[in-house]
Amino acid sequence: MTVVGQSVVTSGIYERYFEQDGRRWHHILDPRTGYPLDNELESVTIVADDSLDGDIWTTLIFGLGVEKGCAALRHREDIEAIFVTKNRDIILSSQRRFRFHLLRRQLPAY
């Protein structure tokens, strides 16, 4: 992806984790339970004018999931999100305005 004059911040569960008894334990916690968030997401990338906004919104949106995350950003023209699901689907927060271009739609295997 290429962007000009903006910040790109990603939060994901694909690098910092361990597995025990068939469950993946990662570092993004649900504040209601104290346990790792368990939803459809593998990662969230935020494209914003400010890196601090990106850092805040990646964690917030990760906790909300795709549907509620897109709704939260509906009126934020200064922030875009790219969701990657555990099924490896790529979902963009907005189909109306693109300030970035995905260079490769297929994700590498890991």
Protein backbone atom coordinates (compact mmCIF):
# COMPACT_ATOMS: atom_id res chain seq x y z
CA MET A 1 0.00 0.00 0.00
CA THR A 2 1.20 3.51 -0.68
CA VAL A 3 0.11 6.67 1.12
CA VAL A 4 1.40 10.23 1.00
CA GLY A 5 1.47 12.53 4.02
CA GLN A 6 -0.40 10.13 6.26
CA SER A 7 0.24 7.53 8.92
CA VAL A 8 -0.41 3.79 8.61
CA VAL A 9 -0.84 1.85 11.88
CA THR A 10 -1.71 -1.85 12.22
CA SER A 11 -2.83 -3.93 15.20
CA GLY A 12 -3.04 -7.67 14.77
CA ILE A 13 -2.97 -11.01 16.51
CA TYR A 14 -0.76 -12.86 14.02
CA GLU A 15 2.67 -12.12 15.57
CA ARG A 16 2.50 -11.77 19.36
CA TYR A 17 0.69 -14.81 20.71
CA PHE A 18 1.08 -18.30 22.11
CA GLU A 19 -1.13 -21.36 21.82
CA GLN A 20 -2.22 -23.52 24.73
CA ASP A 21 -4.82 -26.30 24.71
CA GLY A 22 -5.86 -25.38 21.18
CA ARG A 23 -6.53 -21.73 22.00
CA ARG A 24 -4.57 -18.72 20.77
CA TRP A 25 -3.69 -16.22 23.49
CA HIS A 26 -2.71 -12.82 22.09
CA HIS A 27 -2.02 -9.35 23.46
CA ILE A 28 -5.18 -7.43 22.47
CA LEU A 29 -7.44 -7.71 25.49
CA ASP A 30 -11.17 -7.26 25.92
CA PRO A 31 -11.52 -4.65 28.70
CA ARG A 32 -14.81 -6.22 29.81
CA THR A 33 -13.31 -9.67 30.48
CA GLY A 34 -9.55 -9.21 30.73
CA TYR A 35 -9.12 -12.03 28.20
CA PRO A 36 -7.92 -11.76 24.59
CA LEU A 37 -10.53 -10.42 22.19
CA ASP A 38 -12.21 -13.18 20.24
CA ASN A 39 -13.86 -11.98 17.05
CA GLU A 40 -13.54 -12.40 13.30
CA LEU A 41 -10.45 -10.20 12.94
CA GLU A 42 -6.81 -11.01 12.36
CA SER A 43 -5.74 -7.37 11.97
CA VAL A 44 -6.92 -3.80 11.54
CA THR A 45 -4.92 -1.15 9.70
CA ILE A 46 -5.80 2.52 10.11
CA VAL A 47 -4.78 5.19 7.62
CA ALA A 48 -5.00 8.62 9.28
CA ASP A 49 -3.41 12.02 9.17
CA ASP A 50 -1.96 11.50 12.66
CA SER A 51 -0.14 8.44 14.00
CA LEU A 52 -1.63 8.84 17.49
CA ASP A 53 -5.14 8.66 15.99
CA GLY A 54 -4.09 5.53 14.13
CA ASP A 55 -2.78 3.89 17.29
CA ILE A 56 -5.94 4.66 19.25
CA TRP A 57 -8.34 3.66 16.48
CA THR A 58 -6.65 0.34 15.59
CA THR A 59 -7.21 -1.05 19.07
CA LEU A 60 -10.70 0.44 19.40
CA ILE A 61 -11.84 -0.80 15.99
CA PHE A 62 -10.28 -4.23 16.55
CA GLY A 63 -12.48 -4.60 19.62
CA LEU A 64 -15.61 -3.45 17.79
CA GLY A 65 -15.22 -5.85 14.85
CA VAL A 66 -15.96 -5.15 11.18
CA GLU A 67 -19.61 -4.09 11.27
CA LYS A 68 -19.47 -1.83 14.32
CA GLY A 69 -16.01 -0.60 13.33
CA CYS A 70 -17.24 0.56 9.93
CA ALA A 71 -20.22 2.25 11.60
CA ALA A 72 -17.90 4.07 14.03
CA LEU A 73 -15.85 5.43 11.11
CA ARG A 74 -18.80 6.31 8.87
CA HIS A 75 -18.56 10.04 9.67
CA ARG A 76 -14.78 10.20 10.13
CA GLU A 77 -13.51 11.41 6.78
CA ASP A 78 -9.98 11.69 8.17
CA ILE A 79 -9.68 7.97 9.00
CA GLU A 80 -9.90 4.82 6.86
CA ALA A 81 -9.64 1.21 8.01
CA ILE A 82 -8.55 -2.01 6.36
CA PHE A 83 -9.81 -5.13 8.12
CA VAL A 84 -8.25 -8.56 7.57
CA THR A 85 -10.41 -11.38 8.88
CA LYS A 86 -9.33 -14.77 10.15
CA ASN A 87 -10.74 -16.12 6.86
CA ARG A 88 -8.20 -13.84 5.07
CA ASP A 89 -10.88 -11.52 3.64
CA ILE A 90 -9.90 -7.88 3.15
CA ILE A 91 -12.64 -5.38 3.99
CA LEU A 92 -12.33 -1.62 3.54
CA SER A 93 -14.19 0.74 5.86
CA SER A 94 -15.31 2.95 3.02
CA GLN A 95 -16.22 2.21 -0.56
CA ARG A 96 -16.76 5.94 -1.24
CA ARG A 97 -13.37 7.46 -0.71
CA PHE A 98 -10.01 5.89 -1.25
CA ARG A 99 -6.86 7.72 -0.17
CA PHE A 100 -4.71 4.66 -0.67
CA HIS A 101 -4.23 1.89 -3.16
CA LEU A 102 -3.76 -1.78 -2.29
CA LEU A 103 -0.76 -3.04 -4.22
CA ARG A 104 -1.49 -6.73 -3.63
CA ARG A 105 -4.90 -8.22 -2.79
CA GLN A 106 -3.64 -11.72 -2.03
CA LEU A 107 -2.10 -12.17 1.39
CA PRO A 108 1.09 -14.17 1.87
CA ALA A 109 0.83 -17.48 3.71
CA TYR A 110 2.24 -17.70 7.22
